[in-house]
């Protein structure tokens, strides 16, 4: 991504965070964090990756993304007031699965360490 697109993506991320916090009052919306924004070259679309904290992740992620997708027009209009571009990209929200992957890897590592410790403890006791 070019430097201009990166700066614009960062600006969109900051502005969206403020808009979501101040404008969206839907009780189904969890504690949403924007983790990344990726812009198309022609600024037609902005893929917004979000994570949801503080709730059951299996349910909250889908509901929160649906709420955000439903409010995409409102959020796009809010972005249009703040951005200084001719084109305001259409917003597409996606759940960023980084937290789920990190939790899964962490549990796999913990499980492997526990199994390794259990396997080596009887051998150490015999010697």
Protein backbone atom coordinates (compact mmCIF):
# COMPACT_ATOMS: atom_id res chain seq x y z
CA UNK A 1 0.00 0.00 0.00
CA UNK A 2 1.31 3.45 -0.83
CA UNK A 3 2.18 5.92 1.89
CA UNK A 4 -0.87 8.05 1.04
CA UNK A 5 -3.22 5.08 1.35
CA UNK A 6 -1.61 4.09 4.66
CA UNK A 7 -2.10 7.58 6.06
CA UNK A 8 -5.71 7.63 4.87
CA UNK A 9 -6.34 4.17 6.34
CA UNK A 10 -4.94 5.35 9.69
CA UNK A 11 -7.17 8.43 9.58
CA UNK A 12 -10.22 6.31 8.77
CA UNK A 13 -9.37 3.99 11.66
CA UNK A 14 -9.16 6.90 14.12
CA UNK A 15 -12.31 8.59 12.82
CA UNK A 16 -14.32 5.36 12.81
CA UNK A 17 -13.31 4.61 16.39
CA UNK A 18 -14.69 7.99 17.47
CA UNK A 19 -17.85 7.63 15.37
CA UNK A 20 -18.59 4.14 16.68
CA UNK A 21 -18.10 5.27 20.27
CA UNK A 22 -20.16 8.46 19.94
CA UNK A 23 -22.81 7.73 17.31
CA UNK A 24 -23.75 4.06 17.69
CA UNK A 25 -25.89 3.34 20.73
CA UNK A 26 -27.03 -0.18 19.81
CA UNK A 27 -27.03 -2.39 22.92
CA UNK A 28 -26.11 -5.45 20.82
CA UNK A 29 -22.81 -3.81 19.92
CA UNK A 30 -20.02 -5.14 22.09
CA UNK A 31 -16.81 -3.38 23.00
CA UNK A 32 -15.46 -3.00 19.47
CA UNK A 33 -11.82 -2.33 18.66
CA UNK A 34 -10.71 -1.55 15.12
CA UNK A 35 -7.56 -3.53 14.46
CA UNK A 36 -6.92 -2.63 10.81
CA UNK A 37 -8.28 -0.81 7.78
CA UNK A 38 -7.29 -1.84 4.26
CA UNK A 39 -8.19 0.44 1.37
CA UNK A 40 -8.62 -0.49 -2.26
CA UNK A 41 -6.36 1.42 -4.65
CA UNK A 42 -9.25 3.42 -6.10
CA UNK A 43 -10.67 4.19 -2.61
CA UNK A 44 -13.88 2.41 -3.56
CA UNK A 45 -13.85 0.13 -0.54
CA UNK A 46 -12.38 0.07 2.93
CA UNK A 47 -12.19 -3.32 4.60
CA UNK A 48 -12.42 -2.65 8.33
CA UNK A 49 -11.23 -5.44 10.64
CA UNK A 50 -12.67 -5.37 14.15
CA UNK A 51 -12.34 -7.37 17.34
CA UNK A 52 -14.93 -7.60 20.07
CA UNK A 53 -13.83 -7.71 23.70
CA UNK A 54 -15.55 -8.53 26.95
CA UNK A 55 -18.23 -10.94 25.73
CA UNK A 56 -18.61 -14.48 24.48
CA UNK A 57 -16.51 -14.17 21.33
CA UNK A 58 -18.34 -16.87 19.39
CA UNK A 59 -21.61 -14.93 19.50
CA UNK A 60 -20.53 -11.31 19.98
CA UNK A 61 -18.35 -11.17 16.89
CA UNK A 62 -21.14 -12.02 14.44
CA UNK A 63 -23.71 -9.78 16.11
CA UNK A 64 -21.34 -6.81 16.38
CA UNK A 65 -20.20 -7.13 12.76
CA UNK A 66 -23.86 -7.29 11.66
CA UNK A 67 -24.65 -4.14 13.66
CA UNK A 68 -21.64 -2.34 12.17
CA UNK A 69 -22.53 -3.47 8.65
CA UNK A 70 -26.06 -2.17 9.18
CA UNK A 71 -24.69 1.19 10.31
CA UNK A 72 -22.11 1.38 7.50
CA UNK A 73 -24.03 4.12 5.67
CA UNK A 74 -24.24 6.29 8.78
CA UNK A 75 -20.56 5.73 9.52
CA UNK A 76 -19.61 6.47 5.91
CA UNK A 77 -21.54 9.75 6.05
CA UNK A 78 -19.73 10.64 9.27
CA UNK A 79 -16.40 9.86 7.64
CA UNK A 80 -17.36 12.07 4.69
CA UNK A 81 -17.70 15.06 7.01
CA UNK A 82 -14.17 14.58 8.35
CA UNK A 83 -12.13 13.30 5.40
CA UNK A 84 -10.75 15.62 2.79
CA UNK A 85 -11.10 13.32 -0.19
CA UNK A 86 -13.37 13.40 -3.19
CA UNK A 87 -14.40 9.80 -2.64
CA UNK A 88 -15.41 8.27 0.67
CA UNK A 89 -14.90 4.50 0.52
CA UNK A 90 -17.72 2.05 1.14
CA UNK A 91 -17.20 0.28 4.44
CA UNK A 92 -17.05 -3.49 4.71
CA UNK A 93 -16.67 -4.85 8.22
CA UNK A 94 -14.91 -8.13 8.98
CA UNK A 95 -14.20 -9.89 12.24
CA UNK A 96 -10.46 -10.04 12.84
CA UNK A 97 -9.76 -13.54 14.12
CA UNK A 98 -6.34 -12.72 15.54
CA UNK A 99 -7.56 -12.96 19.16
CA UNK A 100 -9.20 -16.33 18.59
CA UNK A 101 -6.09 -17.68 16.89
CA UNK A 102 -3.87 -16.34 19.67
CA UNK A 103 -6.07 -17.97 22.33
CA UNK A 104 -6.05 -21.25 20.44
CA UNK A 105 -2.26 -21.21 20.01
CA UNK A 106 -1.79 -20.32 23.66
CA UNK A 107 -3.98 -23.22 24.77
CA UNK A 108 -2.15 -25.61 22.43
CA UNK A 109 1.21 -24.48 23.82
CA UNK A 110 -0.02 -24.86 27.40
CA UNK A 111 -1.38 -28.31 26.60
CA UNK A 112 1.91 -29.38 24.99
CA UNK A 113 3.94 -28.09 27.96
CA UNK A 114 1.65 -29.92 30.42
CA UNK A 115 1.89 -33.16 28.43
CA UNK A 116 5.65 -32.83 28.21
CA UNK A 117 5.93 -32.19 31.95
CA UNK A 118 3.70 -35.20 32.72
CA UNK A 119 5.79 -37.40 30.46
CA UNK A 120 9.11 -36.34 32.02
CA UNK A 121 8.04 -36.34 35.69
CA UNK A 122 7.73 -40.17 36.03
CA UNK A 123 11.15 -40.59 34.40
CA UNK A 124 12.75 -38.11 36.82
CA UNK A 125 11.19 -39.90 39.83
CA UNK A 126 12.65 -43.27 38.72
CA UNK A 127 16.22 -41.93 38.59
